[in-house]
Protein backbone atom coordinates (compact mmCIF):
# COMPACT_ATOMS: atom_id res chain seq x y z
CA MET A 1 0.00 0.00 0.00
CA ALA A 2 1.27 3.48 -0.90
CA PRO A 3 2.17 5.69 2.08
CA ARG A 4 -0.42 8.18 3.24
CA LEU A 5 -0.06 11.72 1.93
CA ARG A 6 0.76 14.21 4.68
CA THR A 7 -1.80 16.98 4.17
CA LEU A 8 -1.81 20.56 5.40
CA VAL A 9 -5.27 22.20 5.40
CA VAL A 10 -4.99 25.97 4.97
CA GLY A 11 -8.21 27.90 5.58
CA CYS A 12 -10.77 26.47 7.99
CA GLY A 13 -13.97 28.18 6.88
CA HIS A 14 -16.85 26.49 5.07
CA MET A 15 -14.83 25.15 2.12
CA GLY A 16 -11.72 24.33 4.14
CA ALA A 17 -13.79 22.39 6.64
CA SER A 18 -15.48 20.40 3.86
CA HIS A 19 -12.13 19.49 2.34
CA ALA A 20 -10.70 18.60 5.76
CA ARG A 21 -13.62 16.25 6.34
CA ALA A 22 -12.91 14.73 2.91
CA TYR A 23 -9.28 14.02 3.83
CA HIS A 24 -10.40 12.66 7.19
CA GLY A 25 -12.81 10.31 5.42
CA LEU A 26 -10.07 9.19 3.01
CA ALA A 27 -7.76 8.32 5.90
CA GLU A 28 -6.20 5.36 4.09
CA ASP A 29 -4.63 7.81 1.65
CA PHE A 30 -4.41 11.17 3.46
CA ALA A 31 -3.15 12.12 6.91
CA ILE A 32 -3.88 15.66 8.10
CA VAL A 33 -0.72 17.13 9.65
CA GLY A 34 -1.98 20.62 10.40
CA LEU A 35 -4.84 23.11 10.31
CA VAL A 36 -4.03 26.71 9.40
CA SER A 37 -6.19 29.82 9.76
CA ARG A 38 -5.60 33.40 10.81
CA GLY A 39 -8.42 33.24 13.35
CA ALA A 40 -8.18 30.70 16.14
CA SER A 41 -11.90 29.98 16.48
CA SER A 42 -12.41 28.43 13.04
CA ARG A 43 -9.47 26.04 13.27
CA GLN A 44 -10.33 25.11 16.86
CA GLN A 45 -13.92 24.36 15.86
CA LEU A 46 -12.76 22.28 12.88
CA ASN A 47 -10.19 20.46 15.03
CA ALA A 48 -12.88 19.51 17.52
CA GLY A 49 -15.22 18.45 14.72
CA LEU A 50 -12.57 16.09 13.37
CA GLY A 51 -12.06 14.51 16.77
CA GLY A 52 -9.24 16.72 18.02
CA GLY A 53 -5.52 16.23 18.25
CA PHE A 54 -4.44 18.03 15.07
CA GLU A 55 -1.68 20.62 15.25
CA GLU A 56 -2.89 24.18 14.68
CA PHE A 57 -1.09 27.11 13.07
CA ALA A 58 -1.84 30.80 12.57
CA ASP A 59 0.89 31.34 9.95
CA PHE A 60 1.06 29.51 6.63
CA GLY A 61 4.83 29.84 6.17
CA ASP A 62 5.49 28.45 9.63
CA ALA A 63 3.09 25.56 9.06
CA LEU A 64 4.62 24.71 5.68
CA ALA A 65 8.16 24.67 7.09
CA ARG A 66 7.31 22.67 10.20
CA THR A 67 4.98 20.02 8.74
CA ARG A 68 6.74 19.44 5.37
CA PRO A 69 3.50 18.20 3.77
CA ASP A 70 3.02 16.10 0.65
CA VAL A 71 -0.26 17.94 -0.09
CA VAL A 72 -1.40 21.48 0.66
CA CYS A 73 -5.11 22.34 0.47
CA LEU A 74 -5.79 26.07 0.04
CA SER A 75 -9.25 27.40 0.91
CA THR A 76 -8.16 30.92 1.79
CA TYR A 77 -9.13 34.31 0.36
CA THR A 78 -8.34 34.68 -3.32
CA GLU A 79 -5.55 37.24 -2.93
CA THR A 80 -3.42 34.62 -1.11
CA HIS A 81 -3.91 31.75 -3.58
CA ALA A 82 -1.01 32.44 -5.94
CA ALA A 83 1.67 33.14 -3.34
CA TYR A 84 0.64 30.22 -1.13
CA ALA A 85 0.34 27.81 -4.06
CA VAL A 86 3.75 28.70 -5.50
CA ALA A 87 5.37 28.39 -2.05
CA ALA A 88 3.78 24.97 -1.53
CA LEU A 89 4.75 23.71 -4.99
CA GLU A 90 8.33 24.89 -4.57
CA ALA A 91 8.43 23.15 -1.18
CA GLY A 92 7.65 19.91 -3.00
CA ALA A 93 3.95 19.61 -2.17
CA HIS A 94 1.07 18.84 -4.47
CA VAL A 95 -1.63 21.53 -4.27
CA PHE A 96 -5.40 21.64 -4.21
CA VAL A 97 -6.55 25.26 -4.44
CA GLU A 98 -10.08 26.57 -4.34
CA LYS A 99 -11.27 28.58 -7.31
CA PRO A 100 -10.45 31.11 -8.58
CA LEU A 101 -6.80 30.17 -9.05
CA ALA A 102 -5.68 33.78 -8.48
CA ASP A 103 -7.04 37.32 -8.55
CA ASN A 104 -5.28 38.11 -11.84
CA ILE A 105 -4.16 36.20 -14.91
CA ALA A 106 -0.44 36.90 -14.51
CA ASP A 107 -0.36 35.32 -11.05
CA ALA A 108 -2.52 32.40 -12.19
CA GLU A 109 -0.05 31.71 -14.98
CA LEU A 110 2.80 31.85 -12.46
CA VAL A 111 1.10 29.12 -10.41
CA VAL A 112 0.66 26.90 -13.46
CA ALA A 113 4.27 27.52 -14.46
CA ALA A 114 5.40 26.51 -10.97
CA ALA A 115 3.42 23.27 -11.20
CA ARG A 116 5.07 22.49 -14.55
CA ARG A 117 8.54 23.38 -13.25
CA THR A 118 8.28 21.34 -10.06
CA GLY A 119 6.40 18.40 -11.54
CA ARG A 120 3.84 18.60 -8.74
CA LYS A 121 0.11 18.12 -9.25
CA LEU A 122 -2.16 21.18 -9.12
CA VAL A 123 -5.94 20.75 -8.94
CA VAL A 124 -8.27 23.76 -8.90
CA GLY A 125 -11.58 23.39 -7.07
CA TYR A 126 -14.09 23.32 -9.92
CA ILE A 127 -16.64 21.35 -7.96
CA LEU A 128 -19.08 21.01 -10.87
CA HIS A 129 -16.52 18.85 -12.70
CA VAL A 130 -17.28 16.00 -10.30
CA HIS A 131 -21.05 16.50 -10.19
CA PRO A 132 -22.80 13.80 -12.28
CA ALA A 133 -25.93 15.87 -12.95
CA TRP A 134 -23.88 18.85 -14.17
CA THR A 135 -21.93 16.46 -16.39
CA LYS A 136 -25.25 15.25 -17.84
CA PHE A 137 -26.45 18.86 -18.21
CA THR A 138 -23.33 19.64 -20.26
CA GLU A 139 -23.71 16.51 -22.39
CA LEU A 140 -27.35 17.33 -23.20
CA ALA A 141 -26.45 20.92 -24.09
CA ARG A 142 -24.05 19.55 -26.69
CA THR A 143 -26.95 17.79 -28.46
CA LEU A 144 -28.89 21.02 -29.08
CA GLY A 145 -26.95 22.19 -32.14
CA LYS A 146 -25.14 25.49 -32.61
CA PRO A 147 -25.16 28.26 -31.66
CA LEU A 148 -26.05 27.91 -28.01
CA VAL A 149 -27.65 30.54 -25.79
CA MET A 150 -26.58 29.94 -22.17
CA ARG A 151 -28.32 31.70 -19.29
CA MET A 152 -27.06 31.27 -15.74
CA ASN A 153 -27.06 33.13 -12.44
CA LEU A 154 -26.43 32.67 -8.74
CA ASN A 155 -27.54 35.57 -6.58
CA GLN A 156 -27.20 35.28 -2.80
CA GLN A 157 -29.36 37.20 -0.33
CA SER A 158 -26.92 37.22 2.58
CA SER A 159 -27.14 38.61 6.11
CA GLY A 160 -25.29 38.30 9.38
CA ALA A 161 -22.16 36.15 9.17
CA HIS A 162 -22.82 35.34 5.50
CA TRP A 163 -22.88 39.03 4.56
CA GLN A 164 -19.69 39.62 6.57
CA THR A 165 -18.01 36.78 4.63
CA HIS A 166 -19.13 38.33 1.37
CA ARG A 167 -17.80 41.75 2.41
CA ASN A 168 -14.48 40.12 3.26
CA LEU A 169 -14.39 38.43 -0.13
CA LEU A 170 -15.05 41.78 -1.81
CA ASN A 171 -11.65 42.98 -0.60
CA SER A 172 -10.04 40.92 -3.35
CA THR A 173 -12.72 39.70 -5.73
CA SER A 174 -16.22 40.33 -7.05
CA PRO A 175 -19.26 38.03 -7.20
CA LEU A 176 -18.70 37.67 -10.95
CA VAL A 177 -15.16 36.40 -10.43
CA ASP A 178 -15.62 34.32 -7.29
CA CYS A 179 -18.59 32.27 -8.49
CA GLY A 180 -18.58 33.12 -12.18
CA VAL A 181 -15.55 30.98 -12.99
CA HIS A 182 -17.69 27.88 -12.35
CA TYR A 183 -20.39 28.82 -14.80
CA VAL A 184 -18.32 30.30 -17.63
CA ASP A 185 -16.20 27.14 -17.38
CA VAL A 186 -19.41 25.16 -17.97
CA MET A 187 -20.20 27.40 -20.95
CA CYS A 188 -16.77 26.76 -22.42
CA ARG A 189 -17.25 22.99 -22.02
CA MET A 190 -20.74 23.12 -23.54
CA THR A 191 -19.63 24.98 -26.66
CA GLY A 192 -16.10 23.64 -27.08
CA ALA A 193 -15.51 27.02 -28.73
CA ARG A 194 -13.14 29.91 -28.19
CA PRO A 195 -14.46 32.97 -26.31
CA VAL A 196 -13.89 36.11 -28.38
CA SER A 197 -15.45 39.04 -26.48
CA VAL A 198 -16.85 39.96 -23.07
CA ASN A 199 -19.10 42.74 -21.79
CA GLY A 200 -19.70 43.43 -18.13
CA ILE A 201 -21.86 45.71 -15.99
CA GLY A 202 -21.91 46.18 -12.23
CA ALA A 203 -23.52 48.10 -9.40
CA ARG A 204 -22.54 49.10 -5.87
CA LEU A 205 -25.62 48.40 -3.77
CA ALA A 206 -24.26 49.13 -0.28
CA ASP A 207 -22.24 51.93 1.31
CA ASP A 208 -20.15 49.68 3.58
CA LEU A 209 -18.23 47.91 0.81
CA PRO A 210 -14.46 48.08 0.25
CA PRO A 211 -13.50 51.13 -1.86
CA GLY A 212 -14.14 50.69 -5.56
CA ARG A 213 -15.91 47.36 -5.15
CA VAL A 214 -19.36 46.37 -6.44
CA ASN A 215 -21.53 43.58 -5.06
CA TYR A 216 -23.59 42.99 -8.22
CA GLY A 217 -22.34 42.08 -11.67
CA HIS A 218 -23.53 40.74 -15.01
CA LEU A 219 -21.43 39.48 -17.91
CA GLN A 220 -22.09 38.58 -21.53
CA VAL A 221 -19.63 36.42 -23.44
CA THR A 222 -19.60 35.57 -27.16
CA PHE A 223 -17.85 32.57 -28.72
CA ASP A 224 -16.35 32.02 -32.16
CA ASP A 225 -19.09 29.52 -33.09
CA GLY A 226 -21.81 32.17 -32.61
CA SER A 227 -22.79 30.96 -29.14
CA VAL A 228 -23.55 33.53 -26.44
CA GLY A 229 -23.89 33.31 -22.69
CA TRP A 230 -24.73 35.50 -19.74
CA TYR A 231 -24.03 35.13 -16.06
CA GLU A 232 -25.33 37.24 -13.18
CA ALA A 233 -24.21 37.30 -9.55
CA GLY A 234 -24.94 39.51 -6.56
CA TRP A 235 -24.31 39.33 -2.82
CA GLY A 236 -25.97 41.09 0.08
CA PRO A 237 -29.09 41.66 2.17
CA MET A 238 -30.74 43.63 -0.64
CA MET A 239 -30.61 40.87 -3.26
CA SER A 240 -33.86 39.47 -4.64
CA GLU A 241 -34.66 35.79 -4.26
CA THR A 242 -36.91 35.81 -7.31
CA ALA A 243 -35.27 33.82 -10.12
CA PHE A 244 -31.90 33.77 -8.36
CA PHE A 245 -31.18 30.22 -9.55
CA VAL A 246 -31.31 30.02 -13.36
CA LYS A 247 -29.41 27.35 -15.31
CA ASP A 248 -30.76 27.18 -18.85
CA VAL A 249 -29.34 26.41 -22.32
CA ILE A 250 -31.07 26.92 -25.67
CA GLY A 251 -30.02 25.68 -29.10
CA PRO A 252 -31.65 25.22 -32.52
CA LYS A 253 -32.87 21.73 -31.56
CA GLY A 254 -34.41 22.69 -28.21
CA CYS A 255 -33.35 23.54 -24.69
CA VAL A 256 -32.28 21.94 -21.43
CA SER A 257 -32.73 23.40 -17.96
CA ILE A 258 -31.88 22.49 -14.42
CA VAL A 259 -35.12 22.18 -12.46
CA ALA A 260 -34.26 22.60 -8.78
CA HIS A 261 -37.44 23.44 -6.89
CA ARG A 262 -35.92 22.92 -3.43
CA ALA A 263 -32.66 24.73 -4.21
CA SER A 264 -34.41 27.71 -5.79
CA ARG A 265 -37.14 28.26 -3.22
CA THR A 266 -37.30 31.62 -1.46
CA GLY A 267 -34.93 31.86 1.48
CA ASN A 268 -32.40 29.41 0.07
CA SER A 269 -30.06 31.63 -1.95
CA ALA A 270 -27.41 31.82 0.79
CA ASN A 271 -27.44 28.05 1.38
CA VAL A 272 -24.14 26.87 -0.09
CA ASP A 273 -25.33 23.26 -0.17
CA ALA A 274 -28.20 24.29 -2.46
CA HIS A 275 -25.88 25.87 -5.03
CA THR A 276 -24.92 22.51 -6.54
CA GLN A 277 -28.35 20.86 -6.33
CA THR A 278 -30.16 19.91 -9.53
CA GLU A 279 -33.04 17.52 -8.66
CA SER A 280 -33.90 17.03 -12.35
CA LEU A 281 -33.17 18.18 -15.89
CA ARG A 282 -35.91 19.21 -18.33
CA LEU A 283 -35.08 18.52 -21.99
CA HIS A 284 -37.30 20.23 -24.55
CA HIS A 285 -37.29 19.20 -28.24
CA ALA A 286 -37.94 21.91 -30.83
CA ALA A 287 -38.96 19.55 -33.67
CA LEU A 288 -42.50 20.09 -34.94
CA ALA A 289 -44.98 17.58 -36.36
CA PRO A 290 -46.64 18.17 -39.77
CA ASP A 291 -49.59 19.84 -38.04
CA GLY A 292 -47.27 22.37 -36.35
CA THR A 293 -47.45 20.90 -32.86
CA PHE A 294 -44.44 19.59 -31.01
CA ALA A 295 -43.36 16.18 -32.27
CA ARG A 296 -42.09 15.09 -28.85
CA THR A 297 -43.04 15.89 -25.30
CA ASP A 298 -40.52 17.29 -22.87
CA GLU A 299 -38.37 14.80 -21.00
CA LEU A 300 -37.87 15.16 -17.25
CA ILE A 301 -34.62 13.43 -16.35
CA THR A 302 -34.27 12.70 -12.65
CA THR A 303 -30.83 13.07 -11.10
CA GLU A 304 -30.65 10.13 -8.74
CA ASP A 305 -26.97 10.64 -7.86
CA GLU A 306 -27.27 13.99 -6.09
CA PRO A 307 -24.12 14.27 -3.96
CA SER A 308 -24.04 16.47 -0.89
CA HIS A 309 -21.56 19.34 -0.75
CA ASP A 310 -19.23 17.30 1.46
CA GLU A 311 -19.47 14.35 -0.92
CA LEU A 312 -18.56 16.58 -3.86
CA CYS A 313 -15.50 17.78 -1.93
CA ARG A 314 -14.58 14.16 -1.25
CA ARG A 315 -14.81 13.45 -4.99
CA GLU A 316 -12.56 16.43 -5.72
CA GLN A 317 -9.92 15.04 -3.37
CA ALA A 318 -10.30 11.64 -5.03
CA VAL A 319 -9.41 13.38 -8.31
CA LEU A 320 -6.30 14.86 -6.70
CA LEU A 321 -5.37 11.47 -5.26
CA ARG A 322 -5.70 9.76 -8.63
CA ALA A 323 -3.66 12.51 -10.31
CA ILE A 324 -0.86 11.94 -7.78
CA ARG A 325 -0.94 8.15 -7.70
CA GLU A 326 -1.26 7.73 -11.49
CA ASP A 327 0.88 10.75 -12.47
CA LEU A 328 -1.89 12.21 -14.65
CA ASP A 329 -1.27 15.07 -17.08
CA LEU A 330 -3.37 18.01 -15.82
CA SER A 331 -2.49 20.46 -18.61
CA ALA A 332 -6.06 20.60 -19.96
CA HIS A 333 -7.41 21.23 -16.45
CA TRP A 334 -4.97 24.10 -15.93
CA GLN A 335 -5.87 25.65 -19.29
CA ALA A 336 -9.59 25.47 -18.45
CA ALA A 337 -8.94 27.23 -15.14
CA LEU A 338 -7.00 29.99 -16.92
CA ASP A 339 -9.64 30.37 -19.66
CA SER A 340 -12.57 30.76 -17.27
CA LEU A 341 -10.63 33.18 -15.07
CA ARG A 342 -9.68 35.27 -18.10
CA ILE A 343 -13.37 35.64 -19.05
CA VAL A 344 -14.61 36.79 -15.65
CA LEU A 345 -11.70 39.18 -15.16
CA ALA A 346 -12.45 40.63 -18.61
CA ALA A 347 -16.03 41.25 -17.44
CA ASP A 348 -14.71 43.26 -14.48
CA GLN A 349 -12.44 45.20 -16.82
CA SER A 350 -15.32 45.84 -19.23
CA PHE A 351 -17.42 47.31 -16.42
CA ARG A 352 -14.60 49.52 -15.13
CA GLU A 353 -13.61 50.80 -18.59
CA GLY A 354 -17.07 50.92 -20.16
CA ARG A 355 -16.11 48.95 -23.26
CA THR A 356 -16.21 45.51 -24.83
CA ILE A 357 -13.10 43.46 -24.08
CA ARG A 358 -11.73 41.44 -26.99
CA LEU A 359 -10.03 38.20 -25.99
CA SER A 360 -6.95 37.20 -27.99
């Protein structure tokens, strides 16, 4: 049996805790050697939840030097991702990093270059890649012909601790960037085409935001096959919970939509577990019979394998494990992470500069 991978968990908030539980559940392959967070309460709470006994650290550099891990899991704020990932890779560790890979393209490319140079594995947390219903959603979209029209959003009506977390995130990223990378990545996989231009708009809907930051954004992206897509995201206590969960794709041959009645009900927009729920897919066929009526009725495809958020995180770590054990080439994964990040950052640039951004 291969030796267990010594794993340092950096960031002990919602995502970090889910990944830590994944490593704990995969104890035959991973051994947690430390929990790192700036605040003591989150790592202490996670430590207790895992049964206790794990070494705790307040400083990443100190933890990296003292534990000498085989794997580093980064679930910290976006502005730290690049520096922490490069340091971990250069220390000889494989890295799992939550999306987005960095807060700018140059730093994201530096992380990928470090992974290539060191020969270490780098997996970015695109959780929808391991979700069977989202895989099916993408496959069905590819049967609709070209061009595609892709409509997606994820608005979150947040208050209390959730709103404070969102305000903290706004110090380094926007809703479009933080969550948008997931959905523009799905658009890229659905079309298999090259994005050529991006437009973005935004609005500052609260006075107590970091300077220059907006908590609502909307992007439009066009592809070289004629496909178009839009994505909308907003955070805060003012956000509407009407139609906050839209996942819909239209093509010449029909359309396919995620039908998630429980996930999209009022009061659920801030529930992170609901963000990946699908429940069922509705496939509509555009073909008409000779009398002008629809030739086929809509199909409602149930999604029996509906993993929980923790289970999805476990599957992500299984992907990392396989990449390490089987020495998989992750070049396509890295390129997808760069492509989706480039699109959402272009949307932010478009909003700030008031112009369409052309992608080379």
